[in-house]
Amino acid sequence: MADLVRLGLVDPFEAENEDPKQIAKRLSKAGHIDHFNFKNSIFSLARRASGDCQFLDAKTRRCTVYDKRPNTCRLHPQVGPRPNHCPYGNKAQSR
């Protein structure tokens, strides 16, 4: 839930006082998340049709929310010599 607050998708008051299922329903309807694991309260952010993260700039391949990125992204090992660039996505574009 802290990731969603950091991204500005959920405010801190809502995170503390609202049922996670209701938050998931609202975020899913708004197209911000694809999935919510009720057992572990884990959200999966929505992706574009290309499979890219919704916060990845399609041209520069840079994260547009780098300072606010989720913990999953923060903990991901750096791949290659291009910090702030997502190593995933369309390989044809990165050539």
N, C-alpha and C. Protein backbone atom coordinates (compact mmCIF):
# COMPACT_ATOMS: atom_id res chain seq x y z
N MET A 1 0.82 -1.19 0.00
CA MET A 1 0.00 0.00 0.00
C MET A 1 0.87 1.26 0.00
N ALA A 2 2.06 1.17 0.63
CA ALA A 2 2.96 2.32 0.69
C ALA A 2 3.37 2.78 -0.71
N ASP A 3 3.52 1.82 -1.62
CA ASP A 3 3.88 2.18 -3.01
C ASP A 3 2.78 3.01 -3.65
N LEU A 4 1.54 2.64 -3.41
CA LEU A 4 0.41 3.36 -4.00
C LEU A 4 0.30 4.77 -3.43
N VAL A 5 0.63 4.91 -2.15
CA VAL A 5 0.63 6.24 -1.52
C VAL A 5 1.76 7.07 -2.13
N ARG A 6 2.96 6.49 -2.22
CA ARG A 6 4.11 7.19 -2.79
C ARG A 6 3.85 7.63 -4.23
N LEU A 7 3.15 6.80 -5.00
CA LEU A 7 2.83 7.14 -6.38
C LEU A 7 1.70 8.17 -6.49
N GLY A 8 1.02 8.43 -5.38
CA GLY A 8 -0.07 9.40 -5.39
C GLY A 8 -1.39 8.83 -5.87
N LEU A 9 -1.48 7.51 -5.96
CA LEU A 9 -2.71 6.87 -6.40
C LEU A 9 -3.69 6.70 -5.23
N VAL A 10 -3.16 6.69 -4.02
CA VAL A 10 -3.95 6.53 -2.79
C VAL A 10 -3.41 7.54 -1.79
N ASP A 11 -4.30 8.23 -1.08
CA ASP A 11 -3.80 9.16 -0.08
C ASP A 11 -3.58 8.41 1.24
N PRO A 12 -2.71 8.93 2.11
CA PRO A 12 -2.38 8.22 3.36
C PRO A 12 -3.60 7.92 4.24
N PHE A 13 -4.54 8.85 4.32
CA PHE A 13 -5.74 8.62 5.13
C PHE A 13 -6.52 7.43 4.57
N GLU A 14 -6.70 7.41 3.26
CA GLU A 14 -7.43 6.31 2.62
C GLU A 14 -6.71 4.97 2.87
N ALA A 15 -5.40 4.97 2.79
CA ALA A 15 -4.62 3.75 2.98
C ALA A 15 -4.81 3.18 4.39
N GLU A 16 -4.93 4.05 5.37
CA GLU A 16 -5.09 3.61 6.75
C GLU A 16 -6.51 3.21 7.09
N ASN A 17 -7.47 3.86 6.48
CA ASN A 17 -8.86 3.70 6.93
C ASN A 17 -9.79 2.97 5.97
N GLU A 18 -9.39 2.81 4.74
CA GLU A 18 -10.26 2.19 3.74
C GLU A 18 -9.92 0.70 3.60
N ASP A 19 -10.93 -0.09 3.31
CA ASP A 19 -10.73 -1.52 3.05
C ASP A 19 -9.91 -1.68 1.77
N PRO A 20 -8.82 -2.46 1.81
CA PRO A 20 -8.00 -2.65 0.61
C PRO A 20 -8.80 -3.15 -0.61
N LYS A 21 -9.85 -3.91 -0.36
CA LYS A 21 -10.68 -4.40 -1.47
C LYS A 21 -11.38 -3.24 -2.17
N GLN A 22 -11.82 -2.26 -1.41
CA GLN A 22 -12.48 -1.08 -2.00
C GLN A 22 -11.47 -0.23 -2.77
N ILE A 23 -10.28 -0.11 -2.22
CA ILE A 23 -9.22 0.64 -2.91
C ILE A 23 -8.88 -0.07 -4.21
N ALA A 24 -8.77 -1.39 -4.16
CA ALA A 24 -8.46 -2.17 -5.36
C ALA A 24 -9.55 -1.99 -6.42
N LYS A 25 -10.79 -2.00 -6.00
CA LYS A 25 -11.90 -1.83 -6.93
C LYS A 25 -11.82 -0.46 -7.62
N ARG A 26 -11.56 0.58 -6.84
CA ARG A 26 -11.46 1.93 -7.41
C ARG A 26 -10.28 2.05 -8.37
N LEU A 27 -9.12 1.52 -7.97
CA LEU A 27 -7.92 1.62 -8.82
C LEU A 27 -8.04 0.78 -10.08
N SER A 28 -8.72 -0.36 -9.96
CA SER A 28 -8.93 -1.21 -11.12
C SER A 28 -9.86 -0.52 -12.12
N LYS A 29 -10.92 0.05 -11.62
CA LYS A 29 -11.88 0.76 -12.47
C LYS A 29 -11.22 1.95 -13.18
N ALA A 30 -10.29 2.61 -12.49
CA ALA A 30 -9.57 3.75 -13.07
C ALA A 30 -8.45 3.32 -14.01
N GLY A 31 -8.16 2.01 -14.06
CA GLY A 31 -7.13 1.51 -14.96
C GLY A 31 -5.71 1.62 -14.40
N HIS A 32 -5.58 1.78 -13.09
CA HIS A 32 -4.26 1.91 -12.48
C HIS A 32 -3.66 0.56 -12.08
N ILE A 33 -4.51 -0.41 -11.77
CA ILE A 33 -4.00 -1.73 -11.40
C ILE A 33 -4.67 -2.80 -12.26
N ASP A 34 -3.94 -3.90 -12.44
CA ASP A 34 -4.48 -5.04 -13.18
C ASP A 34 -5.01 -6.11 -12.24
N HIS A 35 -4.37 -6.23 -11.08
CA HIS A 35 -4.70 -7.34 -10.19
C HIS A 35 -4.46 -6.94 -8.75
N PHE A 36 -5.25 -7.53 -7.86
CA PHE A 36 -5.05 -7.35 -6.43
C PHE A 36 -5.12 -8.72 -5.77
N ASN A 37 -4.05 -9.12 -5.10
CA ASN A 37 -4.01 -10.37 -4.38
C ASN A 37 -4.58 -10.11 -2.99
N PHE A 38 -5.80 -10.54 -2.75
CA PHE A 38 -6.49 -10.26 -1.49
C PHE A 38 -5.80 -10.89 -0.29
N LYS A 39 -5.26 -12.08 -0.48
CA LYS A 39 -4.61 -12.79 0.64
C LYS A 39 -3.41 -12.02 1.16
N ASN A 40 -2.60 -11.49 0.27
CA ASN A 40 -1.37 -10.80 0.67
C ASN A 40 -1.44 -9.29 0.52
N SER A 41 -2.58 -8.78 0.07
CA SER A 41 -2.76 -7.33 -0.18
C SER A 41 -1.68 -6.77 -1.09
N ILE A 42 -1.42 -7.47 -2.18
CA ILE A 42 -0.41 -7.04 -3.15
C ILE A 42 -1.11 -6.59 -4.43
N PHE A 43 -0.77 -5.40 -4.89
CA PHE A 43 -1.32 -4.83 -6.11
C PHE A 43 -0.35 -5.04 -7.26
N SER A 44 -0.88 -5.30 -8.45
CA SER A 44 -0.08 -5.34 -9.67
C SER A 44 -0.50 -4.16 -10.52
N LEU A 45 0.44 -3.27 -10.81
CA LEU A 45 0.13 -2.09 -11.62
C LEU A 45 -0.26 -2.49 -13.04
N ALA A 46 -1.13 -1.71 -13.62
CA ALA A 46 -1.56 -1.95 -15.00
C ALA A 46 -0.40 -1.69 -15.95
N ARG A 47 -0.43 -2.40 -17.06
CA ARG A 47 0.57 -2.22 -18.11
C ARG A 47 -0.13 -1.81 -19.40
N ARG A 48 0.63 -1.23 -20.27
CA ARG A 48 0.09 -0.88 -21.59
C ARG A 48 -0.04 -2.14 -22.43
N ALA A 49 -0.70 -2.02 -23.57
CA ALA A 49 -0.88 -3.16 -24.47
C ALA A 49 0.46 -3.73 -24.91
N SER A 50 1.49 -2.90 -24.96
CA SER A 50 2.82 -3.34 -25.36
C SER A 50 3.51 -4.16 -24.27
N GLY A 51 2.94 -4.15 -23.06
CA GLY A 51 3.55 -4.85 -21.94
C GLY A 51 4.39 -3.93 -21.07
N ASP A 52 4.60 -2.71 -21.54
CA ASP A 52 5.39 -1.75 -20.77
C ASP A 52 4.61 -1.26 -19.56
N CYS A 53 5.36 -0.90 -18.54
CA CYS A 53 4.78 -0.27 -17.36
C CYS A 53 4.12 1.04 -17.79
N GLN A 54 3.02 1.38 -17.14
CA GLN A 54 2.31 2.62 -17.46
C GLN A 54 3.14 3.86 -17.17
N PHE A 55 4.19 3.73 -16.36
CA PHE A 55 5.02 4.86 -16.00
C PHE A 55 6.32 4.93 -16.80
N LEU A 56 6.47 4.09 -17.79
CA LEU A 56 7.66 4.08 -18.62
C LEU A 56 7.44 4.95 -19.85
N ASP A 57 8.33 5.92 -20.06
CA ASP A 57 8.23 6.78 -21.24
C ASP A 57 8.58 5.94 -22.47
N ALA A 58 7.68 5.88 -23.43
CA ALA A 58 7.86 5.02 -24.60
C ALA A 58 9.04 5.42 -25.47
N LYS A 59 9.36 6.69 -25.53
CA LYS A 59 10.47 7.14 -26.38
C LYS A 59 11.82 7.04 -25.68
N THR A 60 11.90 7.57 -24.48
CA THR A 60 13.19 7.60 -23.79
C THR A 60 13.49 6.33 -23.03
N ARG A 61 12.45 5.52 -22.77
CA ARG A 61 12.55 4.30 -21.98
C ARG A 61 12.96 4.60 -20.54
N ARG A 62 12.70 5.81 -20.10
CA ARG A 62 13.02 6.21 -18.72
C ARG A 62 11.74 6.19 -17.88
N CYS A 63 11.93 5.86 -16.62
CA CYS A 63 10.81 5.85 -15.68
C CYS A 63 10.38 7.29 -15.41
N THR A 64 9.09 7.54 -15.55
CA THR A 64 8.58 8.90 -15.33
C THR A 64 8.27 9.19 -13.87
N VAL A 65 8.34 8.17 -13.03
CA VAL A 65 8.08 8.34 -11.60
C VAL A 65 9.26 7.78 -10.79
N TYR A 66 10.45 7.94 -11.32
CA TYR A 66 11.62 7.29 -10.74
C TYR A 66 11.78 7.55 -9.24
N ASP A 67 11.62 8.79 -8.80
CA ASP A 67 11.77 9.10 -7.38
C ASP A 67 10.66 8.51 -6.52
N LYS A 68 9.53 8.19 -7.15
CA LYS A 68 8.37 7.64 -6.42
C LYS A 68 8.11 6.18 -6.79
N ARG A 69 9.01 5.55 -7.50
CA ARG A 69 8.78 4.20 -8.02
C ARG A 69 8.49 3.19 -6.91
N PRO A 70 7.74 2.14 -7.25
CA PRO A 70 7.39 1.11 -6.26
C PRO A 70 8.63 0.34 -5.77
N ASN A 71 8.49 -0.31 -4.63
CA ASN A 71 9.60 -1.07 -4.06
C ASN A 71 10.09 -2.17 -4.99
N THR A 72 9.20 -2.79 -5.75
CA THR A 72 9.60 -3.82 -6.69
C THR A 72 10.64 -3.27 -7.65
N CYS A 73 10.42 -2.07 -8.12
CA CYS A 73 11.36 -1.44 -9.04
C CYS A 73 12.64 -1.02 -8.31
N ARG A 74 12.49 -0.54 -7.09
CA ARG A 74 13.65 -0.12 -6.30
C ARG A 74 14.59 -1.29 -6.00
N LEU A 75 14.02 -2.45 -5.80
CA LEU A 75 14.81 -3.62 -5.44
C LEU A 75 15.33 -4.39 -6.65
N HIS A 76 14.85 -4.04 -7.82
CA HIS A 76 15.27 -4.75 -9.03
C HIS A 76 16.74 -4.47 -9.28
N PRO A 77 17.50 -5.51 -9.55
CA PRO A 77 18.93 -5.27 -9.81
C PRO A 77 19.11 -4.43 -11.07
N GLN A 78 20.12 -3.58 -11.02
CA GLN A 78 20.40 -2.77 -12.21
C GLN A 78 20.87 -3.69 -13.32
N VAL A 79 20.33 -3.47 -14.49
CA VAL A 79 20.69 -4.27 -15.65
C VAL A 79 21.28 -3.33 -16.68
N GLY A 80 22.50 -3.60 -17.06
CA GLY A 80 23.16 -2.79 -18.09
C GLY A 80 23.67 -1.47 -17.55
N PRO A 81 24.28 -0.70 -18.41
CA PRO A 81 24.92 0.56 -18.00
C PRO A 81 24.00 1.77 -18.07
N ARG A 82 22.68 1.58 -18.17
CA ARG A 82 21.77 2.70 -18.33
C ARG A 82 20.85 2.83 -17.13
N PRO A 83 21.31 3.43 -16.03
CA PRO A 83 20.43 3.60 -14.87
C PRO A 83 19.20 4.41 -15.24
N ASN A 84 18.10 4.14 -14.59
CA ASN A 84 16.80 4.77 -14.80
C ASN A 84 16.09 4.27 -16.05
N HIS A 85 16.69 3.42 -16.82
CA HIS A 85 16.06 2.85 -18.02
C HIS A 85 15.54 1.47 -17.68
N CYS A 86 14.33 1.20 -18.07
CA CYS A 86 13.74 -0.10 -17.81
C CYS A 86 14.37 -1.13 -18.74
N PRO A 87 14.87 -2.25 -18.20
CA PRO A 87 15.50 -3.25 -19.04
C PRO A 87 14.49 -4.12 -19.78
N TYR A 88 13.21 -3.95 -19.45
CA TYR A 88 12.18 -4.75 -20.09
C TYR A 88 11.48 -3.95 -21.17
N GLY A 89 10.67 -4.62 -21.91
CA GLY A 89 9.91 -3.95 -22.95
C GLY A 89 10.32 -4.45 -24.32
N ASN A 90 9.93 -3.72 -25.32
CA ASN A 90 10.18 -4.09 -26.69
C ASN A 90 11.66 -4.01 -27.02
N LYS A 91 12.28 -5.14 -27.26
CA LYS A 91 13.72 -5.19 -27.54
C LYS A 91 14.06 -4.52 -28.86
N ALA A 92 13.14 -4.51 -29.80
CA ALA A 92 13.39 -3.88 -31.10
C ALA A 92 13.58 -2.38 -30.95
N GLN A 93 12.88 -1.76 -29.99
CA GLN A 93 13.00 -0.34 -29.79
C GLN A 93 14.34 0.05 -29.19
N SER A 94 14.92 -0.86 -28.40
CA SER A 94 16.15 -0.51 -27.69
C SER A 94 17.40 -0.73 -28.52
N ARG A 95 17.26 -1.30 -29.71
CA ARG A 95 18.44 -1.55 -30.55
C ARG A 95 18.87 -0.32 -31.29
